[in-house]
Amino acid sequence: MVKIRQLDEAAARLVQGHPDSADTIRSKQEEIHEEWTQLTAKANARKEKLLDSYDLQRFLSDYRDLTAWIQSMMGLVASDELASDVTGAEALLERHQVNCLVFWLLPFTANFPS
């Protein structure tokens, strides 16, 4: 925008110095303003598209992470592993409690950026 302002100031000086060419100078100045407006509109549209693309990529990444986590949890839940003694049973119970805790806390932590 600074360059546009500088061009406007230069155009004003040219109009004062060359009043016979004032119409041509003003015409070129308007043309520059129209081109600048079109350029900024295109840049803003491109920015919106890039932001949408970023949101989509972030969603897909979160989806892949969640799907992988679900698959790992399904593997743990579907496990036929049985304890053969008290220590093994305690270890399985502890692992189950950790998995339950992670499962219930996931919705609260999924919304926070890593």
PDB file of N, CA and C in Angstrom:
ATOM      1  N   MET A   1       0.827  -1.187   0.000  1.00  0.00           N
ATOM      2  CA  MET A   1       0.000   0.000   0.000  1.00  0.00           C
ATOM      3  C   MET A   1       0.871   1.251   0.000  1.00  0.00           C
ATOM      4  N   VAL A   2       2.081   1.156   0.533  1.00  0.00           N
ATOM      5  CA  VAL A   2       2.990   2.296   0.563  1.00  0.00           C
ATOM      6  C   VAL A   2       3.348   2.713  -0.864  1.00  0.00           C
ATOM      7  N   LYS A   3       3.589   1.732  -1.727  1.00  0.00           N
ATOM      8  CA  LYS A   3       3.938   2.041  -3.123  1.00  0.00           C
ATOM      9  C   LYS A   3       2.775   2.730  -3.835  1.00  0.00           C
ATOM     10  N   ILE A   4       1.567   2.303  -3.544  1.00  0.00           N
ATOM     11  CA  ILE A   4       0.397   2.935  -4.164  1.00  0.00           C
ATOM     12  C   ILE A   4       0.306   4.390  -3.717  1.00  0.00           C
ATOM     13  N   ARG A   5       0.547   4.621  -2.430  1.00  0.00           N
ATOM     14  CA  ARG A   5       0.517   5.991  -1.905  1.00  0.00           C
ATOM     15  C   ARG A   5       1.604   6.835  -2.560  1.00  0.00           C
ATOM     16  N   GLN A   6       2.787   6.249  -2.731  1.00  0.00           N
ATOM     17  CA  GLN A   6       3.879   6.973  -3.386  1.00  0.00           C
ATOM     18  C   GLN A   6       3.521   7.290  -4.839  1.00  0.00           C
ATOM     19  N   LEU A   7       2.873   6.339  -5.518  1.00  0.00           N
ATOM     20  CA  LEU A   7       2.445   6.594  -6.895  1.00  0.00           C
ATOM     21  C   LEU A   7       1.394   7.699  -6.949  1.00  0.00           C
ATOM     22  N   ASP A   8       0.491   7.722  -5.965  1.00  0.00           N
ATOM     23  CA  ASP A   8      -0.514   8.789  -5.905  1.00  0.00           C
ATOM     24  C   ASP A   8       0.145  10.153  -5.720  1.00  0.00           C
ATOM     25  N   GLU A   9       1.149  10.211  -4.861  1.00  0.00           N
ATOM     26  CA  GLU A   9       1.867  11.472  -4.630  1.00  0.00           C
ATOM     27  C   GLU A   9       2.613  11.904  -5.885  1.00  0.00           C
ATOM     28  N   ALA A  10       3.242  10.946  -6.561  1.00  0.00           N
ATOM     29  CA  ALA A  10       3.954  11.260  -7.801  1.00  0.00           C
ATOM     30  C   ALA A  10       2.970  11.730  -8.865  1.00  0.00           C
ATOM     31  N   ALA A  11       1.801  11.078  -8.931  1.00  0.00           N
ATOM     32  CA  ALA A  11       0.781  11.486  -9.902  1.00  0.00           C
ATOM     33  C   ALA A  11       0.306  12.906  -9.613  1.00  0.00           C
ATOM     34  N   ALA A  12       0.122  13.229  -8.348  1.00  0.00           N
ATOM     35  CA  ALA A  12      -0.315  14.581  -7.982  1.00  0.00           C
ATOM     36  C   ALA A  12       0.730  15.610  -8.395  1.00  0.00           C
ATOM     37  N   ARG A  13       2.005  15.289  -8.200  1.00  0.00           N
ATOM     38  CA  ARG A  13       3.076  16.209  -8.615  1.00  0.00           C
ATOM     39  C   ARG A  13       3.099  16.365 -10.139  1.00  0.00           C
ATOM     40  N   LEU A  14       2.886  15.250 -10.835  1.00  0.00           N
ATOM     41  CA  LEU A  14       2.874  15.304 -12.299  1.00  0.00           C
ATOM     42  C   LEU A  14       1.702  16.133 -12.815  1.00  0.00           C
ATOM     43  N   VAL A  15       0.538  15.998 -12.177  1.00  0.00           N
ATOM     44  CA  VAL A  15      -0.635  16.770 -12.582  1.00  0.00           C
ATOM     45  C   VAL A  15      -0.364  18.258 -12.386  1.00  0.00           C
ATOM     46  N   GLN A  16       0.294  18.612 -11.283  1.00  0.00           N
ATOM     47  CA  GLN A  16       0.603  20.023 -11.025  1.00  0.00           C
ATOM     48  C   GLN A  16       1.633  20.547 -12.026  1.00  0.00           C
ATOM     49  N   GLY A  17       2.614  19.701 -12.365  1.00  0.00           N
ATOM     50  CA  GLY A  17       3.664  20.135 -13.293  1.00  0.00           C
ATOM     51  C   GLY A  17       3.253  20.091 -14.750  1.00  0.00           C
ATOM     52  N   HIS A  18       2.298  19.220 -15.068  1.00  0.00           N
ATOM     53  CA  HIS A  18       1.866  19.067 -16.464  1.00  0.00           C
ATOM     54  C   HIS A  18       0.334  19.048 -16.534  1.00  0.00           C
ATOM     55  N   PRO A  19      -0.300  20.172 -16.334  1.00  0.00           N
ATOM     56  CA  PRO A  19      -1.765  20.205 -16.319  1.00  0.00           C
ATOM     57  C   PRO A  19      -2.399  19.768 -17.643  1.00  0.00           C
ATOM     58  N   ASP A  20      -1.676  19.900 -18.746  1.00  0.00           N
ATOM     59  CA  ASP A  20      -2.226  19.506 -20.039  1.00  0.00           C
ATOM     60  C   ASP A  20      -2.372  17.982 -20.150  1.00  0.00           C
ATOM     61  N   SER A  21      -1.608  17.217 -19.363  1.00  0.00           N
ATOM     62  CA  SER A  21      -1.683  15.744 -19.375  1.00  0.00           C
ATOM     63  C   SER A  21      -2.409  15.185 -18.158  1.00  0.00           C
ATOM     64  N   ALA A  22      -3.136  16.038 -17.452  1.00  0.00           N
ATOM     65  CA  ALA A  22      -3.786  15.630 -16.200  1.00  0.00           C
ATOM     66  C   ALA A  22      -4.769  14.488 -16.411  1.00  0.00           C
ATOM     67  N   ASP A  23      -5.535  14.524 -17.496  1.00  0.00           N
ATOM     68  CA  ASP A  23      -6.518  13.459 -17.738  1.00  0.00           C
ATOM     69  C   ASP A  23      -5.838  12.110 -17.942  1.00  0.00           C
ATOM     70  N   THR A  24      -4.763  12.095 -18.696  1.00  0.00           N
ATOM     71  CA  THR A  24      -4.026  10.852 -18.939  1.00  0.00           C
ATOM     72  C   THR A  24      -3.416  10.326 -17.648  1.00  0.00           C
ATOM     73  N   ILE A  25      -2.850  11.233 -16.865  1.00  0.00           N
ATOM     74  CA  ILE A  25      -2.219  10.835 -15.596  1.00  0.00           C
ATOM     75  C   ILE A  25      -3.274  10.253 -14.650  1.00  0.00           C
ATOM     76  N   ARG A  26      -4.411  10.924 -14.533  1.00  0.00           N
ATOM     77  CA  ARG A  26      -5.475  10.437 -13.653  1.00  0.00           C
ATOM     78  C   ARG A  26      -6.023   9.089 -14.145  1.00  0.00           C
ATOM     79  N   SER A  27      -6.106   8.950 -15.446  1.00  0.00           N
ATOM     80  CA  SER A  27      -6.583   7.690 -16.022  1.00  0.00           C
ATOM     81  C   SER A  27      -5.640   6.544 -15.653  1.00  0.00           C
ATOM     82  N   LYS A  28      -4.349   6.779 -15.790  1.00  0.00           N
ATOM     83  CA  LYS A  28      -3.360   5.746 -15.420  1.00  0.00           C
ATOM     84  C   LYS A  28      -3.405   5.466 -13.917  1.00  0.00           C
ATOM     85  N   GLN A  29      -3.600   6.516 -13.140  1.00  0.00           N
ATOM     86  CA  GLN A  29      -3.691   6.363 -11.688  1.00  0.00           C
ATOM     87  C   GLN A  29      -4.909   5.507 -11.317  1.00  0.00           C
ATOM     88  N   GLU A  30      -6.036   5.721 -11.938  1.00  0.00           N
ATOM     89  CA  GLU A  30      -7.237   4.919 -11.685  1.00  0.00           C
ATOM     90  C   GLU A  30      -7.012   3.470 -12.120  1.00  0.00           C
ATOM     91  N   GLU A  31      -6.332   3.303 -13.238  1.00  0.00           N
ATOM     92  CA  GLU A  31      -6.033   1.957 -13.722  1.00  0.00           C
ATOM     93  C   GLU A  31      -5.172   1.199 -12.708  1.00  0.00           C
ATOM     94  N   ILE A  32      -4.190   1.879 -12.148  1.00  0.00           N
ATOM     95  CA  ILE A  32      -3.329   1.257 -11.130  1.00  0.00           C
ATOM     96  C   ILE A  32      -4.144   0.875  -9.905  1.00  0.00           C
ATOM     97  N   HIS A  33      -5.052   1.767  -9.490  1.00  0.00           N
ATOM     98  CA  HIS A  33      -5.890   1.464  -8.322  1.00  0.00           C
ATOM     99  C   HIS A  33      -6.800   0.263  -8.576  1.00  0.00           C
ATOM    100  N   GLU A  34      -7.356   0.167  -9.775  1.00  0.00           N
ATOM    101  CA  GLU A  34      -8.204  -0.972 -10.117  1.00  0.00           C
ATOM    102  C   GLU A  34      -7.397  -2.270 -10.124  1.00  0.00           C
ATOM    103  N   GLU A  35      -6.211  -2.223 -10.706  1.00  0.00           N
ATOM    104  CA  GLU A  35      -5.354  -3.416 -10.729  1.00  0.00           C
ATOM    105  C   GLU A  35      -4.965  -3.831  -9.308  1.00  0.00           C
ATOM    106  N   TRP A  36      -4.663  -2.842  -8.462  1.00  0.00           N
ATOM    107  CA  TRP A  36      -4.302  -3.145  -7.077  1.00  0.00           C
ATOM    108  C   TRP A  36      -5.470  -3.793  -6.341  1.00  0.00           C
ATOM    109  N   THR A  37      -6.669  -3.272  -6.567  1.00  0.00           N
ATOM    110  CA  THR A  37      -7.859  -3.825  -5.932  1.00  0.00           C
ATOM    111  C   THR A  37      -8.081  -5.265  -6.379  1.00  0.00           C
ATOM    112  N   GLN A  38      -7.924  -5.527  -7.676  1.00  0.00           N
ATOM    113  CA  GLN A  38      -8.077  -6.889  -8.187  1.00  0.00           C
ATOM    114  C   GLN A  38      -7.018  -7.812  -7.603  1.00  0.00           C
ATOM    115  N   LEU A  39      -5.794  -7.325  -7.516  1.00  0.00           N
ATOM    116  CA  LEU A  39      -4.698  -8.136  -6.968  1.00  0.00           C
ATOM    117  C   LEU A  39      -4.939  -8.482  -5.507  1.00  0.00           C
ATOM    118  N   THR A  40      -5.366  -7.522  -4.713  1.00  0.00           N
ATOM    119  CA  THR A  40      -5.621  -7.806  -3.294  1.00  0.00           C
ATOM    120  C   THR A  40      -6.809  -8.758  -3.131  1.00  0.00           C
ATOM    121  N   ALA A  41      -7.818  -8.625  -4.015  1.00  0.00           N
ATOM    122  CA  ALA A  41      -8.963  -9.543  -3.951  1.00  0.00           C
ATOM    123  C   ALA A  41      -8.515 -10.966  -4.274  1.00  0.00           C
ATOM    124  N   LYS A  42      -7.676 -11.130  -5.279  1.00  0.00           N
ATOM    125  CA  LYS A  42      -7.166 -12.455  -5.628  1.00  0.00           C
ATOM    126  C   LYS A  42      -6.297 -13.022  -4.503  1.00  0.00           C
ATOM    127  N   ALA A  43      -5.480 -12.170  -3.908  1.00  0.00           N
ATOM    128  CA  ALA A  43      -4.624 -12.626  -2.805  1.00  0.00           C
ATOM    129  C   ALA A  43      -5.472 -13.072  -1.613  1.00  0.00           C
ATOM    130  N   ASN A  44      -6.531 -12.337  -1.309  1.00  0.00           N
ATOM    131  CA  ASN A  44      -7.409 -12.721  -0.204  1.00  0.00           C
ATOM    132  C   ASN A  44      -8.141 -14.023  -0.492  1.00  0.00           C
ATOM    133  N   ALA A  45      -8.573 -14.201  -1.751  1.00  0.00           N
ATOM    134  CA  ALA A  45      -9.240 -15.457  -2.122  1.00  0.00           C
ATOM    135  C   ALA A  45      -8.278 -16.630  -1.994  1.00  0.00           C
ATOM    136  N   ARG A  46      -7.037 -16.420  -2.421  1.00  0.00           N
ATOM    137  CA  ARG A  46      -6.030 -17.485  -2.324  1.00  0.00           C
ATOM    138  C   ARG A  46      -5.733 -17.797  -0.864  1.00  0.00           C
ATOM    139  N   LYS A  47      -5.688 -16.777  -0.035  1.00  0.00           N
ATOM    140  CA  LYS A  47      -5.450 -16.989   1.396  1.00  0.00           C
ATOM    141  C   LYS A  47      -6.554 -17.849   1.997  1.00  0.00           C
ATOM    142  N   GLU A  48      -7.797 -17.574   1.640  1.00  0.00           N
ATOM    143  CA  GLU A  48      -8.927 -18.367   2.139  1.00  0.00           C
ATOM    144  C   GLU A  48      -8.804 -19.824   1.703  1.00  0.00           C
ATOM    145  N   LYS A  49      -8.421 -20.034   0.450  1.00  0.00           N
ATOM    146  CA  LYS A  49      -8.257 -21.406  -0.044  1.00  0.00           C
ATOM    147  C   LYS A  49      -7.139 -22.120   0.708  1.00  0.00           C
ATOM    148  N   LEU A  50      -6.043 -21.412   0.959  1.00  0.00           N
ATOM    149  CA  LEU A  50      -4.934 -22.015   1.705  1.00  0.00           C
ATOM    150  C   LEU A  50      -5.342 -22.354   3.134  1.00  0.00           C
ATOM    151  N   LEU A  51      -6.103 -21.486   3.761  1.00  0.00           N
ATOM    152  CA  LEU A  51      -6.569 -21.759   5.123  1.00  0.00           C
ATOM    153  C   LEU A  51      -7.516 -22.956   5.147  1.00  0.00           C
ATOM    154  N   ASP A  52      -8.381 -23.053   4.144  1.00  0.00           N
ATOM    155  CA  ASP A  52      -9.273 -24.208   4.050  1.00  0.00           C
ATOM    156  C   ASP A  52      -8.471 -25.491   3.857  1.00  0.00           C
ATOM    157  N   SER A  53      -7.464 -25.414   3.014  1.00  0.00           N
ATOM    158  CA  SER A  53      -6.613 -26.581   2.766  1.00  0.00           C
ATOM    159  C   SER A  53      -5.870 -26.984   4.042  1.00  0.00           C
ATOM    160  N   TYR A  54      -5.391 -25.996   4.788  1.00  0.00           N
ATOM    161  CA  TYR A  54      -4.717 -26.276   6.053  1.00  0.00           C
ATOM    162  C   TYR A  54      -5.668 -26.972   7.029  1.00  0.00           C
ATOM    163  N   ASP A  55      -6.891 -26.460   7.129  1.00  0.00           N
ATOM    164  CA  ASP A  55      -7.877 -27.074   8.023  1.00  0.00           C
ATOM    165  C   ASP A  55      -8.167 -28.512   7.614  1.00  0.00           C
ATOM    166  N   LEU A  56      -8.282 -28.759   6.310  1.00  0.00           N
ATOM    167  CA  LEU A  56      -8.524 -30.114   5.823  1.00  0.00           C
ATOM    168  C   LEU A  56      -7.361 -31.032   6.174  1.00  0.00           C
ATOM    169  N   GLN A  57      -6.134 -30.577   5.961  1.00  0.00           N
ATOM    170  CA  GLN A  57      -4.961 -31.395   6.263  1.00  0.00           C
ATOM    171  C   GLN A  57      -4.871 -31.690   7.759  1.00  0.00           C
ATOM    172  N   ARG A  58      -5.179 -30.700   8.579  1.00  0.00           N
ATOM    173  CA  ARG A  58      -5.161 -30.902  10.030  1.00  0.00           C
ATOM    174  C   ARG A  58      -6.225 -31.919  10.431  1.00  0.00           C
ATOM    175  N   PHE A  59      -7.417 -31.816   9.830  1.00  0.00           N
ATOM    176  CA  PHE A  59      -8.485 -32.773  10.114  1.00  0.00           C
ATOM    177  C   PHE A  59      -8.059 -34.177   9.711  1.00  0.00           C
ATOM    178  N   LEU A  60      -7.499 -34.322   8.512  1.00  0.00           N
ATOM    179  CA  LEU A  60      -7.081 -35.643   8.040  1.00  0.00           C
ATOM    180  C   LEU A  60      -5.983 -36.229   8.928  1.00  0.00           C
ATOM    181  N   SER A  61      -5.081 -35.385   9.386  1.00  0.00           N
ATOM    182  CA  SER A  61      -4.034 -35.855  10.294  1.00  0.00           C
ATOM    183  C   SER A  61      -4.638 -36.335  11.611  1.00  0.00           C
ATOM    184  N   ASP A  62      -5.560 -35.554  12.163  1.00  0.00           N
ATOM    185  CA  ASP A  62      -6.239 -35.961  13.398  1.00  0.00           C
ATOM    186  C   ASP A  62      -7.019 -37.258  13.182  1.00  0.00           C
ATOM    187  N   TYR A  63      -7.659 -37.381  12.021  1.00  0.00           N
ATOM    188  CA  TYR A  63      -8.414 -38.589  11.695  1.00  0.00           C
ATOM    189  C   TYR A  63      -7.490 -39.804  11.660  1.00  0.00           C
ATOM    190  N   ARG A  64      -6.341 -39.672  10.996  1.00  0.00           N
ATOM    191  CA  ARG A  64      -5.393 -40.792  10.926  1.00  0.00           C
ATOM    192  C   ARG A  64      -4.893 -41.168  12.319  1.00  0.00           C
ATOM    193  N   ASP A  65      -4.569 -40.159  13.128  1.00  0.00           N
ATOM    194  CA  ASP A  65      -4.100 -40.438  14.486  1.00  0.00           C
ATOM    195  C   ASP A  65      -5.171 -41.160  15.301  1.00  0.00           C
ATOM    196  N   LEU A  66      -6.389 -40.677  15.215  1.00  0.00           N
ATOM    197  CA  LEU A  66      -7.472 -41.282  15.981  1.00  0.00           C
ATOM    198  C   LEU A  66      -7.766 -42.695  15.491  1.00  0.00           C
ATOM    199  N   THR A  67      -7.753 -42.885  14.188  1.00  0.00           N
ATOM    200  CA  THR A  67      -7.990 -44.216  13.634  1.00  0.00           C
ATOM    201  C   THR A  67      -6.909 -45.190  14.094  1.00  0.00           C
ATOM    202  N   ALA A  68      -5.653 -44.747  14.083  1.00  0.00           N
ATOM    203  CA  ALA A  68      -4.559 -45.615  14.543  1.00  0.00           C
ATOM    204  C   ALA A  68      -4.734 -45.941  16.023  1.00  0.00           C
ATOM    205  N   TRP A  69      -5.125 -44.953  16.811  1.00  0.00           N
ATOM    206  CA  TRP A  69      -5.316 -45.186  18.243  1.00  0.00           C
ATOM    207  C   TRP A  69      -6.470 -46.162  18.462  1.00  0.00           C
ATOM    208  N   ILE A  70      -7.558 -45.971  17.730  1.00  0.00           N
ATOM    209  CA  ILE A  70      -8.707 -46.873  17.866  1.00  0.00           C
ATOM    210  C   ILE A  70      -8.298 -48.300  17.513  1.00  0.00           C
ATOM    211  N   GLN A  71      -7.536 -48.462  16.449  1.00  0.00           N
ATOM    212  CA  GLN A  71      -7.091 -49.799  16.061  1.00  0.00           C
ATOM    213  C   GLN A  71      -6.222 -50.427  17.149  1.00  0.00           C
ATOM    214  N   SER A  72      -5.353 -49.628  17.755  1.00  0.00           N
ATOM    215  CA  SER A  72      -4.520 -50.178  18.838  1.00  0.00           C
ATOM    216  C   SER A  72      -5.371 -50.546  20.049  1.00  0.00           C
ATOM    217  N   MET A  73      -6.385 -49.732  20.363  1.00  0.00           N
ATOM    218  CA  MET A  73      -7.274 -50.044  21.479  1.00  0.00           C
ATOM    219  C   MET A  73      -8.105 -51.289  21.173  1.00  0.00           C
ATOM    220  N   MET A  74      -8.556 -51.422  19.932  1.00  0.00           N
ATOM    221  CA  MET A  74      -9.323 -52.601  19.545  1.00  0.00           C
ATOM    222  C   MET A  74      -8.471 -53.857  19.689  1.00  0.00           C
ATOM    223  N   GLY A  75      -7.203 -53.744  19.352  1.00  0.00           N
ATOM    224  CA  GLY A  75      -6.298 -54.878  19.522  1.00  0.00           C
ATOM    225  C   GLY A  75      -6.134 -55.252  20.983  1.00  0.00           C
ATOM    226  N   LEU A  76      -6.069 -54.254  21.838  1.00  0.00           N
ATOM    227  CA  LEU A  76      -5.925 -54.538  23.271  1.00  0.00           C
ATOM    228  C   LEU A  76      -7.217 -55.119  23.854  1.00  0.00           C
ATOM    229  N   VAL A  77      -8.340 -54.572  23.426  1.00  0.00           N
ATOM    230  CA  VAL A  77      -9.629 -55.024  23.959  1.00  0.00           C
ATOM    231  C   VAL A  77      -9.948 -56.437  23.474  1.00  0.00           C
ATOM    232  N   ALA A  78      -9.589 -56.723  22.241  1.00  0.00           N
ATOM    233  CA  ALA A  78      -9.909 -58.032  21.669  1.00  0.00           C
ATOM    234  C   ALA A  78      -8.893 -59.102  22.061  1.00  0.00           C
ATOM    235  N   SER A  79      -7.929 -58.736  22.834  1.00  0.00           N
ATOM    236  CA  SER A  79      -6.892 -59.683  23.232  1.00  0.00           C
ATOM    237  C   SER A  79      -7.483 -60.816  24.072  1.00  0.00           C
ATOM    238  N   ASP A  80      -7.057 -62.012  23.776  1.00  0.00           N
ATOM    239  CA  ASP A  80      -7.509 -63.185  24.533  1.00  0.00           C
ATOM    240  C   ASP A  80      -6.548 -63.517  25.669  1.00  0.00           C
ATOM    241  N   GLU A  81      -5.680 -62.579  25.958  1.00  0.00           N
ATOM    242  CA  GLU A  81      -4.667 -62.822  26.980  1.00  0.00           C
ATOM    243  C   GLU A  81      -5.329 -62.975  28.349  1.00  0.00           C
ATOM    244  N   LEU A  82      -5.012 -64.048  29.004  1.00  0.00           N
ATOM    245  CA  LEU A  82      -5.517 -64.307  30.351  1.00  0.00           C
ATOM    246  C   LEU A  82      -4.330 -64.477  31.293  1.00  0.00           C
ATOM    247  N   ALA A  83      -4.535 -64.036  32.497  1.00  0.00           N
ATOM    248  CA  ALA A  83      -3.466 -64.155  33.485  1.00  0.00           C
ATOM    249  C   ALA A  83      -3.422 -65.582  34.033  1.00  0.00           C
ATOM    250  N   SER A  84      -2.217 -66.028  34.310  1.00  0.00           N
ATOM    251  CA  SER A  84      -2.068 -67.379  34.863  1.00  0.00           C
ATOM    252  C   SER A  84      -1.785 -67.346  36.363  1.00  0.00           C
ATOM    253  N   ASP A  85      -1.490 -66.133  36.881  1.00  0.00           N
ATOM    254  CA  ASP A  85      -1.248 -66.004  38.319  1.00  0.00           C
ATOM    255  C   ASP A  85      -1.697 -64.621  38.782  1.00  0.00           C
ATOM    256  N   VAL A  86      -1.559 -64.355  40.068  1.00  0.00           N
ATOM    257  CA  VAL A  86      -2.018 -63.097  40.652  1.00  0.00           C
ATOM    258  C   VAL A  86      -1.241 -61.907  40.091  1.00  0.00           C
ATOM    259  N   THR A  87       0.053 -62.042  39.942  1.00  0.00           N
ATOM    260  CA  THR A  87       0.875 -60.944  39.423  1.00  0.00           C
ATOM    261  C   THR A  87       0.469 -60.595  38.005  1.00  0.00           C
ATOM    262  N   GLY A  88       0.241 -61.607  37.191  1.00  0.00           N
ATOM    263  CA  GLY A  88      -0.204 -61.377  35.819  1.00  0.00           C
ATOM    264  C   GLY A  88      -1.561 -60.715  35.779  1.00  0.00           C
ATOM    265  N   ALA A  89      -2.466 -61.152  36.682  1.00  0.00           N
ATOM    266  CA  ALA A  89      -3.799 -60.559  36.742  1.00  0.00           C
ATOM    267  C   ALA A  89      -3.722 -59.089  37.151  1.00  0.00           C
ATOM    268  N   GLU A  90      -2.839 -58.779  38.111  1.00  0.00           N
ATOM    269  CA  GLU A  90      -2.674 -57.395  38.547  1.00  0.00           C
ATOM    270  C   GLU A  90      -2.107 -56.540  37.411  1.00  0.00           C
ATOM    271  N   ALA A  91      -1.176 -57.098  36.658  1.00  0.00           N
ATOM    272  CA  ALA A  91      -0.596 -56.367  35.523  1.00  0.00           C
ATOM    273  C   ALA A  91      -1.658 -56.102  34.464  1.00  0.00           C
ATOM    274  N   LEU A  92      -2.488 -57.110  34.165  1.00  0.00           N
ATOM    275  CA  LEU A  92      -3.563 -56.923  33.188  1.00  0.00           C
ATOM    276  C   LEU A  92      -4.577 -55.895  33.679  1.00  0.00           C
ATOM    277  N   LEU A  93      -4.902 -55.947  34.960  1.00  0.00           N
ATOM    278  CA  LEU A  93      -5.850 -54.997  35.531  1.00  0.00           C
ATOM    279  C   LEU A  93      -5.290 -53.574  35.461  1.00  0.00           C
ATOM    280  N   GLU A  94      -4.026 -53.413  35.770  1.00  0.00           N
ATOM    281  CA  GLU A  94      -3.400 -52.089  35.710  1.00  0.00           C
ATOM    282  C   GLU A  94      -3.389 -51.572  34.269  1.00  0.00           C
ATOM    283  N   ARG A  95      -3.039 -52.432  33.325  1.00  0.00           N
ATOM    284  CA  ARG A  95      -3.044 -52.027  31.919  1.00  0.00           C
ATOM    285  C   ARG A  95      -4.456 -51.643  31.479  1.00  0.00           C
ATOM    286  N   HIS A  96      -5.454 -52.382  31.941  1.00  0.00           N
ATOM    287  CA  HIS A  96      -6.833 -52.072  31.623  1.00  0.00           C
ATOM    288  C   HIS A  96      -7.226 -50.699  32.178  1.00  0.00           C
ATOM    289  N   GLN A  97      -6.826 -50.413  33.404  1.00  0.00           N
ATOM    290  CA  GLN A  97      -7.169 -49.132  34.017  1.00  0.00           C
ATOM    291  C   GLN A  97      -6.503 -47.976  33.261  1.00  0.00           C
ATOM    292  N   VAL A  98      -5.267 -48.171  32.845  1.00  0.00           N
ATOM    293  CA  VAL A  98      -4.573 -47.137  32.074  1.00  0.00           C
ATOM    294  C   VAL A  98      -5.286 -46.924  30.740  1.00  0.00           C
ATOM    295  N   ASN A  99      -5.658 -48.013  30.088  1.00  0.00           N
ATOM    296  CA  ASN A  99      -6.359 -47.897  28.805  1.00  0.00           C
ATOM    297  C   ASN A  99      -7.699 -47.188  28.973  1.00  0.00           C
ATOM    298  N   CYS A 100      -8.411 -47.504  30.042  1.00  0.00           N
ATOM    299  CA  CYS A 100      -9.697 -46.833  30.299  1.00  0.00           C
ATOM    300  C   CYS A 100      -9.483 -45.349  30.548  1.00  0.00           C
ATOM    301  N   LEU A 101      -8.457 -45.017  31.309  1.00  0.00           N
ATOM    302  CA  LEU A 101      -8.166 -43.619  31.590  1.00  0.00           C
ATOM    303  C   LEU A 101      -7.842 -42.873  30.299  1.00  0.00           C
ATOM    304  N   VAL A 102      -7.007 -43.461  29.474  1.00  0.00           N
ATOM    305  CA  VAL A 102      -6.662 -42.840  28.195  1.00  0.00           C
ATOM    306  C   VAL A 102      -7.901 -42.692  27.332  1.00  0.00           C
ATOM    307  N   PHE A 103      -8.739 -43.710  27.300  1.00  0.00           N
ATOM    308  CA  PHE A 103      -9.959 -43.678  26.498  1.00  0.00           C
ATOM    309  C   PHE A 103     -10.872 -42.540  26.942  1.00  0.00           C
ATOM    310  N   TRP A 104     -11.033 -42.348  28.231  1.00  0.00           N
ATOM    311  CA  TRP A 104     -11.945 -41.318  28.715  1.00  0.00           C
ATOM    312  C   TRP A 104     -11.348 -39.920  28.648  1.00  0.00           C
ATOM    313  N   LEU A 105     -10.031 -39.802  28.685  1.00  0.00           N
ATOM    314  CA  LEU A 105      -9.396 -38.485  28.615  1.00  0.00           C
ATOM    315  C   LEU A 105      -9.178 -38.022  27.178  1.00  0.00           C
ATOM    316  N   LEU A 106      -9.192 -38.932  26.228  1.00  0.00           N
ATOM    317  CA  LEU A 106      -8.918 -38.568  24.841  1.00  0.00           C
ATOM    318  C   LEU A 106      -9.816 -37.452  24.322  1.00  0.00           C
ATOM    319  N   PRO A 107     -11.124 -37.473  24.542  1.00  0.00           N
ATOM    320  CA  PRO A 107     -11.946 -36.371  24.008  1.00  0.00           C
ATOM    321  C   PRO A 107     -11.538 -35.006  24.549  1.00  0.00           C
ATOM    322  N   PHE A 108     -10.981 -34.957  25.740  1.00  0.00           N
ATOM    323  CA  PHE A 108     -10.594 -33.673  26.321  1.00  0.00           C
ATOM    324  C   PHE A 108      -9.256 -33.195  25.799  1.00  0.00           C
ATOM    325  N   THR A 109      -8.375 -34.118  25.426  1.00  0.00           N
ATOM    326  CA  THR A 109      -7.043 -33.737  24.956  1.00  0.00           C
ATOM    327  C   THR A 109      -6.983 -33.614  23.454  1.00  0.00           C
ATOM    328  N   ALA A 110      -7.941 -34.153  22.720  1.00  0.00           N
ATOM    329  CA  ALA A 110      -7.902 -34.125  21.249  1.00  0.00           C
ATOM    330  C   ALA A 110      -8.065 -32.722  20.708  1.00  0.00           C
ATOM    331  N   ASN A 111      -8.681 -31.828  21.467  1.00  0.00           N
ATOM    332  CA  ASN A 111      -8.915 -30.467  20.981  1.00  0.00           C
ATOM    333  C   ASN A 111      -7.746 -29.539  21.228  1.00  0.00           C
ATOM    334  N   PHE A 112      -6.758 -29.990  21.963  1.00  0.00           N
ATOM    335  CA  PHE A 112      -5.612 -29.152  22.245  1.00  0.00           C
ATOM    336  C   PHE A 112      -4.509 -29.437  21.244  1.00  0.00           C
ATOM    337  N   PRO A 113      -3.848 -28.361  20.730  1.00  0.00           N
ATOM    338  CA  PRO A 113      -2.756 -28.597  19.784  1.00  0.00           C
ATOM    339  C   PRO A 113      -1.591 -29.296  20.473  1.00  0.00           C
ATOM    340  N   SER A 114      -0.897 -30.127  19.723  1.00  0.00           N
ATOM    341  CA  SER A 114       0.229 -30.869  20.310  1.00  0.00           C
ATOM    342  C   SER A 114       1.438 -29.990  20.424  1.00  0.00           C
TER     343      SER A 114
END
